[in-house]
Amino acid sequence: MDKRPNILFLLSDDQGAWAMRCAGNTDIQTPNLDRLAAAGVRFENFFCASPVCSPARASILTGTIPSCHGVLDWLSGGNLPAGIPGMEKMFGYQNETKPIRYTEHLTAYTDLLWEAGYTCALSGKWHMGDSLHPQHGFSKWYTLGRGGCEYYHADVAEDGKISFPKGYVTDLIAENALQNLEELAQKEEPFYLSVHFTAPHSPWEEKDHPKEMLDLYRDCAFLATPDLPLHPNQVKTCPYGTGERRKELLRGYYAAITAMDRQIGRILDRLEELGIWEDTLVIFTSDNGMNLGQHGIWGKGNGTFPQNMYDTSVKVPFIVSWKGKAAEGEVCSELFSHYDIFPTLQELLGLSGKVRQKLPGRSFADCLAAPKTQTDRSIVILDEYGPVRMIRDREWKLVWRYPYGPNELYCLSKDPGEEKNLYDDPACGERILQMKKRLENWFADYADPDLDGSRQPVTGTGQFGAVGNRADRAVCFGEMPDTV
């Protein structure tokens, strides 16, 4: 095959698919994401594997589901050892006792890239355990100790140590990415550069973002998101509000995205200046979706308890640009998931290394050149968050909560806003049985019984140990969250 392309993988944190101007949101300013979409293919029906950060990220990397890799909730432990000076009073550090490599039993696509001669570099958030040491083929490693951080008070993991550099974390990540880009562009072998921003994850207060970015939204009417009463299952762990408080939070969220967008523009500009954009496959996505008032929810899957599977939680932005190889300025409406990235890279790059796990995904390589081609409409997307599971096709969505419910069924073709739950409608009984059987068969094929999330007490308040026979403590999950 021809020389393999470089890969630039851009990942945001908690960005809903609706939070880009090119996706129809006229409130927000995302000129560089719009520019990337104009240079490539935007997928409008792309889904995460779990609507919370750590499980979703592990699924992207390993191409499998949480019930196979064992990261079932956001990791509130297993990232760092105890006793790091300067960390004592930082949020969540009390759960950190020793680093855990949660996904070491599986093959990541970066393992295959490394085997194929790629230099792999990480600039930004990891949040999949053992933040101090490179894993899965990475040789360049600049990440965050706890996974998340305050925007102006980051704990950076580099060279096996934690430091506390001054500056806005979005800019710090971009500066490291630009430095990596300069160095990698000089090498003969292709590179893989992951740039994982913490934006636009909360906090969204005035003190947390540059005034220049916040001022862009001072007079915004914020019409792109609904202003609804709080959902009855809204939890207190996510910032939420109505009236002026709603506008303050949206302003901070949008400011975080626009600040990130500006840094993405710098990275794309440097690709062009180095003359390597045409040799680089560029991918942009987010780890999970986000509600900022949709359904009355503030937060993602764990914005409510029990956890939710609304499209606003599970649908993510996804853009691919590959000049000369992929279409430009087109939109693909086919349904795909983050677990489809691994097989797509295998096909596009001819990666033939051994994979230890069974991959549930399918390649979307053919949609890059012909994004408007419609494939089999029986294709379904499956999602999970602990004991909550979802199966969805173009017309219907079933949400099943083990062991007791409540369960949900939506006819998406007639009710795209998921407002009318048809689960108790007798006319839908046979459909529910068929969808439930398909869901259970799929998880029987791809879940590891020892790591099965439906058998674990996942609450949405964090995971601080390994599960199954890898567990080193009796309790691995946080307490039940308080609801509003």
Protein backbone atom coordinates (compact mmCIF):
# COMPACT_ATOMS: atom_id res chain seq x y z
CA MET A 1 0.00 0.00 0.00
CA ASP A 2 1.01 3.66 -0.25
CA LYS A 3 2.79 5.26 2.68
CA ARG A 4 0.44 5.29 5.64
CA PRO A 5 -0.96 8.70 6.59
CA ASN A 6 -0.28 10.58 9.78
CA ILE A 7 -3.23 10.68 12.17
CA LEU A 8 -4.37 13.67 14.21
CA PHE A 9 -7.07 12.65 16.70
CA LEU A 10 -8.83 15.58 18.37
CA LEU A 11 -11.06 14.78 21.35
CA SER A 12 -13.21 17.15 23.37
CA ASP A 13 -14.81 16.41 26.73
CA ASP A 14 -18.60 16.53 27.27
CA GLN A 15 -19.44 18.21 23.96
CA GLY A 16 -22.89 17.45 22.65
CA ALA A 17 -23.33 16.79 18.95
CA TRP A 18 -25.49 19.92 18.89
CA ALA A 19 -22.69 22.19 20.16
CA MET A 20 -21.16 23.26 16.83
CA ARG A 21 -22.29 25.90 14.38
CA CYS A 22 -21.85 23.47 11.47
CA ALA A 23 -24.37 21.20 13.24
CA GLY A 24 -26.98 23.98 13.19
CA ASN A 25 -26.34 25.79 16.48
CA THR A 26 -26.32 29.49 15.57
CA ASP A 27 -25.62 30.58 19.16
CA ILE A 28 -22.12 29.13 19.25
CA GLN A 29 -18.92 30.24 17.51
CA THR A 30 -16.83 27.32 16.21
CA PRO A 31 -15.12 28.63 13.04
CA ASN A 32 -12.34 26.03 13.04
CA LEU A 33 -14.57 23.01 13.63
CA ASP A 34 -16.75 24.39 10.83
CA ARG A 35 -13.62 24.72 8.69
CA LEU A 36 -12.71 21.10 9.44
CA ALA A 37 -16.22 19.96 8.51
CA ALA A 38 -15.97 21.92 5.24
CA ALA A 39 -12.73 20.06 4.50
CA GLY A 40 -14.17 16.64 5.31
CA VAL A 41 -17.22 14.60 6.28
CA ARG A 42 -19.43 15.37 9.26
CA PHE A 43 -21.32 12.40 10.69
CA GLU A 44 -24.65 13.51 12.15
CA ASN A 45 -25.60 10.19 13.77
CA PHE A 46 -22.48 9.15 15.64
CA PHE A 47 -22.72 7.71 19.16
CA CYS A 48 -20.50 7.09 22.16
CA ALA A 49 -20.29 3.63 23.72
CA SER A 50 -21.17 4.98 27.17
CA PRO A 51 -22.40 8.47 28.11
CA VAL A 52 -19.60 9.24 30.58
CA CYS A 53 -15.91 9.96 30.05
CA SER A 54 -13.66 7.08 31.17
CA PRO A 55 -15.78 4.19 29.79
CA ALA A 56 -16.28 6.08 26.52
CA ARG A 57 -12.56 6.79 26.14
CA ALA A 58 -11.60 3.19 26.87
CA SER A 59 -14.11 2.05 24.23
CA ILE A 60 -12.65 4.42 21.63
CA LEU A 61 -9.14 3.12 22.26
CA THR A 62 -9.90 -0.60 22.50
CA GLY A 63 -12.84 -0.80 20.09
CA THR A 64 -14.93 -2.70 22.57
CA ILE A 65 -17.61 -2.09 25.20
CA PRO A 66 -17.34 -1.20 28.90
CA SER A 67 -18.53 -4.66 29.88
CA CYS A 68 -15.47 -6.03 28.10
CA HIS A 69 -12.80 -3.54 29.20
CA GLY A 70 -14.10 -3.10 32.77
CA VAL A 71 -14.12 0.70 32.97
CA LEU A 72 -17.77 1.12 33.92
CA ASP A 73 -17.87 4.66 35.34
CA TRP A 74 -15.65 7.74 35.37
CA LEU A 75 -12.46 6.88 37.23
CA SER A 76 -12.25 8.55 40.63
CA GLY A 77 -9.29 6.33 41.54
CA GLY A 78 -6.56 4.23 39.98
CA ASN A 79 -5.05 7.26 38.26
CA LEU A 80 -2.27 8.21 40.71
CA PRO A 81 -0.38 6.93 43.75
CA ALA A 82 -1.06 8.44 47.14
CA GLY A 83 1.26 10.98 48.73
CA ILE A 84 2.06 13.32 45.84
CA PRO A 85 3.05 16.72 47.27
CA GLY A 86 0.66 19.49 46.27
CA MET A 87 -2.22 17.11 45.53
CA GLU A 88 -3.58 16.72 49.04
CA LYS A 89 -6.44 19.22 48.79
CA MET A 90 -7.37 18.62 45.15
CA PHE A 91 -10.85 17.31 44.45
CA GLY A 92 -11.08 13.52 44.40
CA TYR A 93 -7.47 12.83 45.30
CA GLN A 94 -8.56 11.06 48.49
CA ASN A 95 -9.57 8.04 46.36
CA GLU A 96 -6.14 7.77 44.74
CA THR A 97 -4.07 5.02 46.36
CA LYS A 98 -2.22 3.29 43.53
CA PRO A 99 -2.21 3.45 39.71
CA ILE A 100 -4.22 0.79 37.85
CA ARG A 101 -3.83 -0.02 34.16
CA TYR A 102 -7.47 -0.84 33.54
CA THR A 103 -7.16 -1.79 29.86
CA GLU A 104 -3.86 -3.69 29.88
CA HIS A 105 -5.66 -7.00 29.18
CA LEU A 106 -6.82 -5.68 25.78
CA THR A 107 -5.30 -4.46 22.52
CA ALA A 108 -5.63 -0.77 21.69
CA TYR A 109 -5.50 0.46 18.12
CA THR A 110 -2.44 2.47 19.17
CA ASP A 111 -0.72 -0.83 19.95
CA LEU A 112 -1.26 -1.81 16.32
CA LEU A 113 -0.10 1.60 15.11
CA TRP A 114 3.09 1.27 17.13
CA GLU A 115 3.66 -2.22 15.70
CA ALA A 116 3.17 -0.74 12.22
CA GLY A 117 5.93 1.83 12.80
CA TYR A 118 3.95 4.83 14.02
CA THR A 119 5.26 7.18 16.71
CA CYS A 120 2.33 7.74 19.09
CA ALA A 121 2.02 10.91 21.16
CA LEU A 122 -0.58 12.05 23.69
CA SER A 123 -1.25 15.69 24.54
CA GLY A 124 -4.09 16.03 27.04
CA LYS A 125 -6.58 14.03 29.04
CA TRP A 126 -6.15 10.25 29.44
CA HIS A 127 -8.39 9.28 32.41
CA MET A 128 -8.08 5.52 31.88
CA GLY A 129 -5.84 4.73 34.82
CA ASP A 130 -2.12 5.13 35.67
CA SER A 131 -1.69 8.66 34.41
CA LEU A 132 2.03 8.76 35.21
CA HIS A 133 3.23 6.21 32.67
CA PRO A 134 2.76 5.80 28.88
CA GLN A 135 0.65 2.85 27.80
CA HIS A 136 -0.54 1.16 24.62
CA GLY A 137 2.26 2.18 22.25
CA PHE A 138 2.55 5.84 23.29
CA SER A 139 6.11 7.15 23.60
CA LYS A 140 5.27 10.83 24.11
CA TRP A 141 3.04 11.42 27.13
CA TYR A 142 1.65 14.69 28.48
CA THR A 143 -1.57 14.21 30.40
CA LEU A 144 -3.51 15.17 33.54
CA GLY A 145 -3.02 13.38 36.81
CA ARG A 146 -6.63 12.98 37.96
CA GLY A 147 -8.24 13.06 34.52
CA GLY A 148 -10.09 16.33 35.04
CA CYS A 149 -8.91 19.58 36.57
CA GLU A 150 -9.76 23.22 37.10
CA TYR A 151 -9.04 25.24 33.96
CA TYR A 152 -6.44 27.43 35.67
CA HIS A 153 -5.05 24.82 38.07
CA ALA A 154 -3.98 21.71 36.19
CA ASP A 155 -2.02 18.78 37.59
CA VAL A 156 0.10 17.70 34.63
CA ALA A 157 1.68 14.25 34.38
CA GLU A 158 4.88 14.16 32.34
CA ASP A 159 8.08 12.10 32.61
CA GLY A 160 6.58 10.16 35.51
CA LYS A 161 6.07 13.25 37.66
CA ILE A 162 3.29 15.70 38.53
CA SER A 163 3.76 19.44 38.01
CA PHE A 164 1.42 22.42 38.31
CA PRO A 165 2.12 24.76 35.37
CA LYS A 166 0.48 28.15 35.24
CA GLY A 167 -1.99 28.89 32.47
CA TYR A 168 -5.32 27.93 30.96
CA VAL A 169 -5.34 24.15 30.53
CA THR A 170 -6.78 24.30 26.98
CA ASP A 171 -3.80 26.41 25.93
CA LEU A 172 -1.32 24.19 27.80
CA ILE A 173 -2.59 21.11 25.97
CA ALA A 174 -2.45 22.87 22.60
CA GLU A 175 1.09 24.16 23.19
CA ASN A 176 2.28 20.64 23.94
CA ALA A 177 0.45 19.33 20.87
CA LEU A 178 2.12 21.97 18.68
CA GLN A 179 5.51 21.05 20.10
CA ASN A 180 4.83 17.37 19.40
CA LEU A 181 3.67 18.22 15.89
CA GLU A 182 6.90 20.09 15.14
CA GLU A 183 9.01 17.15 16.30
CA LEU A 184 6.92 14.42 14.70
CA ALA A 185 6.82 16.16 11.33
CA GLN A 186 10.61 15.86 11.09
CA LYS A 187 10.57 12.07 11.33
CA GLU A 188 10.38 9.70 8.38
CA GLU A 189 7.87 7.35 10.00
CA PRO A 190 4.20 8.35 10.24
CA PHE A 191 2.81 9.66 13.50
CA TYR A 192 -0.33 9.40 15.56
CA LEU A 193 -1.03 12.49 17.69
CA SER A 194 -3.92 12.42 20.18
CA VAL A 195 -4.95 15.87 21.41
CA HIS A 196 -7.45 15.41 24.22
CA PHE A 197 -8.89 18.66 25.57
CA THR A 198 -10.71 18.90 28.90
CA ALA A 199 -13.03 21.48 27.33
CA PRO A 200 -15.93 21.97 27.57
CA HIS A 201 -16.27 19.92 30.77
CA SER A 202 -17.39 21.92 33.83
CA PRO A 203 -16.58 24.16 35.69
CA TRP A 204 -18.26 26.97 33.73
CA GLU A 205 -17.94 29.87 36.14
CA GLU A 206 -16.66 33.34 35.13
CA LYS A 207 -13.32 32.73 36.88
CA ASP A 208 -12.69 29.57 34.91
CA HIS A 209 -12.48 30.95 31.37
CA PRO A 210 -10.82 33.85 29.52
CA LYS A 211 -12.81 37.06 29.59
CA GLU A 212 -12.31 37.42 25.82
CA MET A 213 -14.17 34.15 25.25
CA LEU A 214 -16.92 34.89 27.76
CA ASP A 215 -17.52 38.33 26.26
CA LEU A 216 -18.43 36.72 22.93
CA TYR A 217 -21.60 35.45 24.61
CA ARG A 218 -22.58 38.40 26.83
CA ASP A 219 -25.56 39.28 24.63
CA CYS A 220 -26.39 35.76 23.46
CA ALA A 221 -30.08 34.85 23.74
CA PHE A 222 -29.20 31.15 24.13
CA LEU A 223 -32.03 29.94 21.93
CA ALA A 224 -30.30 26.74 20.75
CA THR A 225 -31.08 24.87 23.96
CA PRO A 226 -34.49 24.61 25.65
CA ASP A 227 -35.32 26.43 28.87
CA LEU A 228 -37.28 23.74 30.73
CA PRO A 229 -38.05 22.92 34.37
CA LEU A 230 -35.46 20.64 35.95
CA HIS A 231 -35.90 16.92 35.30
CA PRO A 232 -37.23 15.18 38.44
CA ASN A 233 -34.20 12.85 38.43
CA GLN A 234 -31.61 15.64 38.07
CA VAL A 235 -28.62 15.02 40.35
CA LYS A 236 -26.82 17.64 42.42
CA THR A 237 -23.31 16.67 41.25
CA CYS A 238 -23.54 18.60 37.96
CA PRO A 239 -23.91 22.40 37.74
CA TYR A 240 -27.52 23.27 36.87
CA GLY A 241 -29.77 26.27 36.85
CA THR A 242 -32.66 28.24 35.46
CA GLY A 243 -33.13 31.90 34.59
CA GLU A 244 -29.94 33.97 34.78
CA ARG A 245 -28.02 31.05 36.26
CA ARG A 246 -28.83 29.05 33.12
CA LYS A 247 -27.32 31.80 30.96
CA GLU A 248 -24.18 31.98 33.12
CA LEU A 249 -23.58 28.25 32.76
CA LEU A 250 -24.25 28.23 29.01
CA ARG A 251 -21.91 31.20 28.61
CA GLY A 252 -19.13 29.31 30.34
CA TYR A 253 -19.78 26.13 28.34
CA TYR A 254 -19.78 27.98 25.01
CA ALA A 255 -16.70 30.00 26.01
CA ALA A 256 -14.84 26.74 26.75
CA ILE A 257 -15.74 25.37 23.31
CA THR A 258 -14.74 28.54 21.46
CA ALA A 259 -11.43 28.70 23.35
CA MET A 260 -10.78 25.08 22.35
CA ASP A 261 -11.84 25.82 18.78
CA ARG A 262 -9.24 28.58 18.60
CA GLN A 263 -6.49 26.17 19.63
CA ILE A 264 -7.71 23.57 17.14
CA GLY A 265 -7.36 26.29 14.52
CA ARG A 266 -3.73 26.82 15.54
CA ILE A 267 -3.05 23.09 15.18
CA LEU A 268 -4.72 22.93 11.75
CA ASP A 269 -2.80 26.02 10.65
CA ARG A 270 0.45 24.34 11.65
CA LEU A 271 -0.47 21.23 9.68
CA GLU A 272 -0.82 23.44 6.62
CA GLU A 273 2.36 25.40 7.31
CA LEU A 274 4.33 22.17 7.65
CA GLY A 275 2.83 20.97 4.37
CA ILE A 276 1.49 17.74 5.88
CA TRP A 277 -2.29 18.21 6.07
CA GLU A 278 -2.72 16.30 2.82
CA ASP A 279 -0.76 13.43 4.37
CA THR A 280 -2.79 13.48 7.59
CA LEU A 281 -6.07 11.84 8.52
CA VAL A 282 -7.78 14.25 10.93
CA ILE A 283 -10.55 13.05 13.25
CA PHE A 284 -12.55 15.17 15.68
CA THR A 285 -15.06 13.85 18.21
CA SER A 286 -16.11 14.08 21.86
CA ASP A 287 -16.06 11.36 24.49
CA ASN A 288 -19.81 11.62 25.16
CA GLY A 289 -22.79 13.88 24.62
CA MET A 290 -24.19 16.52 26.95
CA ASN A 291 -27.48 17.99 28.12
CA LEU A 292 -27.64 21.66 28.98
CA GLY A 293 -31.37 21.90 29.52
CA GLN A 294 -32.49 19.27 27.03
CA HIS A 295 -35.17 17.18 28.75
CA GLY A 296 -34.64 19.49 31.73
CA ILE A 297 -31.31 17.74 32.40
CA TRP A 298 -27.93 19.28 33.15
CA GLY A 299 -25.19 16.73 32.58
CA LYS A 300 -24.61 13.62 30.50
CA GLY A 301 -25.68 10.05 31.29
CA ASN A 302 -25.10 10.61 34.99
CA GLY A 303 -26.89 13.95 35.00
CA THR A 304 -29.82 11.92 36.30
CA PHE A 305 -30.23 8.93 38.56
CA PRO A 306 -30.99 6.40 37.30
CA GLN A 307 -28.67 7.19 34.42
CA ASN A 308 -30.26 8.29 31.14
CA MET A 309 -29.75 7.32 27.50
CA TYR A 310 -31.29 10.27 25.68
CA ASP A 311 -29.76 11.02 22.29
CA THR A 312 -28.41 14.29 23.69
CA SER A 313 -26.35 12.18 26.12
CA VAL A 314 -25.16 9.50 23.70
CA LYS A 315 -24.82 11.35 20.37
CA VAL A 316 -21.42 12.98 19.75
CA PRO A 317 -19.88 15.26 17.13
CA PHE A 318 -17.75 13.39 14.59
CA ILE A 319 -15.77 14.88 11.71
CA VAL A 320 -13.19 13.22 9.45
CA SER A 321 -10.93 15.08 7.03
CA TRP A 322 -8.49 13.30 4.71
CA LYS A 323 -7.66 15.49 1.79
CA GLY A 324 -7.75 13.73 -1.54
CA LYS A 325 -9.16 10.55 0.00
CA ALA A 326 -12.39 11.65 1.71
CA ALA A 327 -15.25 13.79 0.46
CA GLU A 328 -15.26 17.46 1.44
CA GLY A 329 -18.11 19.44 2.90
CA GLU A 330 -20.55 16.53 3.02
CA VAL A 331 -22.70 15.01 5.75
CA CYS A 332 -23.16 11.30 6.47
CA SER A 333 -26.45 10.35 8.13
CA GLU A 334 -25.61 6.66 8.67
CA LEU A 335 -25.52 5.35 12.26
CA PHE A 336 -22.08 4.64 13.72
CA SER A 337 -20.47 4.34 17.13
CA HIS A 338 -17.11 4.99 18.75
CA TYR A 339 -16.47 1.24 18.72
CA ASP A 340 -16.44 1.50 14.91
CA ILE A 341 -13.26 3.62 14.91
CA PHE A 342 -10.92 0.66 15.57
CA PRO A 343 -12.08 -1.49 12.60
CA THR A 344 -12.12 1.61 10.39
CA LEU A 345 -8.47 2.32 11.12
CA GLN A 346 -7.66 -1.34 10.56
CA GLU A 347 -9.17 -1.14 7.10
CA LEU A 348 -7.84 2.28 6.10
CA LEU A 349 -4.29 1.59 7.26
CA GLY A 350 -4.03 -2.13 6.61
CA LEU A 351 -3.28 -2.89 10.27
CA SER A 352 -2.86 -6.65 10.59
CA GLY A 353 -1.63 -7.04 14.17
CA LYS A 354 -3.28 -9.48 16.55
CA VAL A 355 -6.21 -8.16 18.59
CA ARG A 356 -6.91 -9.91 21.88
CA GLN A 357 -10.58 -8.95 22.16
CA LYS A 358 -13.54 -9.56 19.89
CA LEU A 359 -14.46 -6.30 18.15
CA PRO A 360 -18.18 -5.47 17.86
CA GLY A 361 -17.77 -2.56 15.42
CA ARG A 362 -17.91 -2.19 11.67
CA SER A 363 -15.77 0.00 9.45
CA PHE A 364 -17.14 3.26 8.07
CA ALA A 365 -14.22 3.62 5.62
CA ASP A 366 -16.52 3.45 2.60
CA CYS A 367 -18.57 6.39 3.93
CA LEU A 368 -15.58 8.72 3.76
CA ALA A 369 -15.54 8.74 -0.04
CA ALA A 370 -19.30 8.22 -0.46
CA PRO A 371 -20.93 9.65 2.70
CA LYS A 372 -24.45 9.73 1.25
CA THR A 373 -24.55 6.02 0.53
CA GLN A 374 -27.24 4.31 2.63
CA THR A 375 -26.45 0.87 4.03
CA ASP A 376 -28.67 -1.72 5.71
CA ARG A 377 -31.32 0.10 7.76
CA SER A 378 -31.38 -2.79 10.25
CA ILE A 379 -28.10 -1.54 11.71
CA VAL A 380 -28.44 -0.83 15.43
CA ILE A 381 -26.39 1.12 17.97
CA LEU A 382 -25.92 -0.19 21.49
CA ASP A 383 -24.88 1.74 24.57
CA GLU A 384 -24.36 0.97 28.23
CA TYR A 385 -23.78 2.72 31.53
CA GLY A 386 -23.53 0.13 34.27
CA PRO A 387 -26.95 -1.51 34.63
CA VAL A 388 -28.54 0.79 32.02
CA ARG A 389 -28.47 -0.40 28.40
CA MET A 390 -29.79 0.94 25.13
CA ILE A 391 -30.50 -0.48 21.70
CA ARG A 392 -31.39 1.97 18.94
CA ASP A 393 -31.99 1.94 15.20
CA ARG A 394 -33.31 4.69 12.93
CA GLU A 395 -36.89 4.23 14.08
CA TRP A 396 -36.92 2.87 17.62
CA LYS A 397 -35.00 3.07 20.90
CA LEU A 398 -35.31 0.73 23.86
CA VAL A 399 -33.68 1.63 27.20
CA TRP A 400 -33.47 -1.28 29.63
CA ARG A 401 -32.50 -0.81 33.27
CA TYR A 402 -31.37 -3.93 35.16
CA PRO A 403 -32.78 -5.32 37.33
CA TYR A 404 -35.92 -3.30 38.07
CA GLY A 405 -36.38 -0.54 35.47
CA PRO A 406 -37.94 1.86 34.76
CA ASN A 407 -37.59 1.01 31.09
CA GLU A 408 -38.30 3.22 28.09
CA LEU A 409 -39.35 2.81 24.46
CA TYR A 410 -39.42 5.64 21.94
CA CYS A 411 -40.57 5.77 18.33
CA LEU A 412 -37.85 8.08 17.02
CA SER A 413 -39.38 8.51 13.58
CA LYS A 414 -42.49 10.10 15.13
CA ASP A 415 -40.97 11.36 18.39
CA PRO A 416 -37.36 12.44 17.74
CA GLY A 417 -37.33 14.42 20.98
CA GLU A 418 -37.96 11.26 23.03
CA GLU A 419 -40.89 12.79 24.88
CA LYS A 420 -43.45 9.95 24.82
CA ASN A 421 -42.44 6.70 26.54
CA LEU A 422 -44.31 3.82 24.86
CA TYR A 423 -42.95 1.05 27.07
CA ASP A 424 -46.35 0.37 28.69
CA ASP A 425 -48.25 0.50 25.40
CA PRO A 426 -49.67 -3.02 24.80
CA ALA A 427 -49.31 -2.51 21.03
CA CYS A 428 -45.53 -2.36 21.47
CA GLY A 429 -45.12 -5.58 23.44
CA GLU A 430 -43.81 -7.71 20.57
CA ARG A 431 -41.38 -5.00 19.46
CA ILE A 432 -40.00 -4.74 22.99
CA LEU A 433 -39.45 -8.51 23.16
CA GLN A 434 -37.61 -8.52 19.81
CA MET A 435 -35.40 -5.56 20.70
CA LYS A 436 -34.66 -6.93 24.18
CA LYS A 437 -33.64 -10.27 22.70
CA ARG A 438 -31.33 -8.59 20.22
CA LEU A 439 -29.81 -6.45 22.97
CA GLU A 440 -29.18 -9.44 25.23
CA ASN A 441 -27.68 -11.54 22.43
CA TRP A 442 -25.32 -8.71 21.50
CA PHE A 443 -24.04 -8.28 25.04
CA ALA A 444 -23.73 -12.06 25.40
CA ASP A 445 -21.42 -11.97 22.38
CA TYR A 446 -19.20 -9.06 23.45
CA ALA A 447 -19.35 -8.70 27.25
CA ASP A 448 -16.93 -10.40 29.62
CA PRO A 449 -19.13 -12.02 32.31
CA ASP A 450 -16.54 -11.12 34.93
CA LEU A 451 -16.74 -7.41 34.00
CA ASP A 452 -20.41 -7.16 33.05
CA GLY A 453 -21.74 -3.74 34.04
CA SER A 454 -25.30 -4.98 34.49
CA ARG A 455 -24.03 -7.00 37.46
CA GLN A 456 -22.18 -4.10 39.11
CA PRO A 457 -23.56 -1.33 41.38
CA VAL A 458 -22.62 1.52 39.03
CA THR A 459 -24.19 4.75 40.29
CA GLY A 460 -22.64 7.46 38.09
CA THR A 461 -20.60 8.86 41.00
CA GLY A 462 -17.27 7.28 40.10
CA GLN A 463 -15.24 4.07 40.02
CA PHE A 464 -12.11 3.82 42.16
CA GLY A 465 -10.93 0.26 41.67
CA ALA A 466 -10.94 -2.61 39.22
CA VAL A 467 -13.97 -4.90 39.00
CA GLY A 468 -14.41 -8.63 38.76
CA ASN A 469 -11.43 -10.85 39.52
CA ARG A 470 -9.18 -7.84 38.98
CA ALA A 471 -10.69 -6.08 42.01
CA ASP A 472 -8.34 -5.29 44.88
CA ARG A 473 -10.96 -3.91 47.25
CA ALA A 474 -14.51 -4.69 48.29
CA VAL A 475 -16.09 -1.43 47.09
CA CYS A 476 -15.36 -0.03 43.63
CA PHE A 477 -18.12 2.51 43.12
CA GLY A 478 -19.34 5.71 44.72
CA GLU A 479 -22.51 6.18 46.71
CA MET A 480 -25.96 6.84 45.32
CA PRO A 481 -26.17 10.46 44.11
CA ASP A 482 -28.58 12.96 45.58
CA THR A 483 -31.31 14.17 43.24
CA VAL A 484 -32.74 17.67 43.17
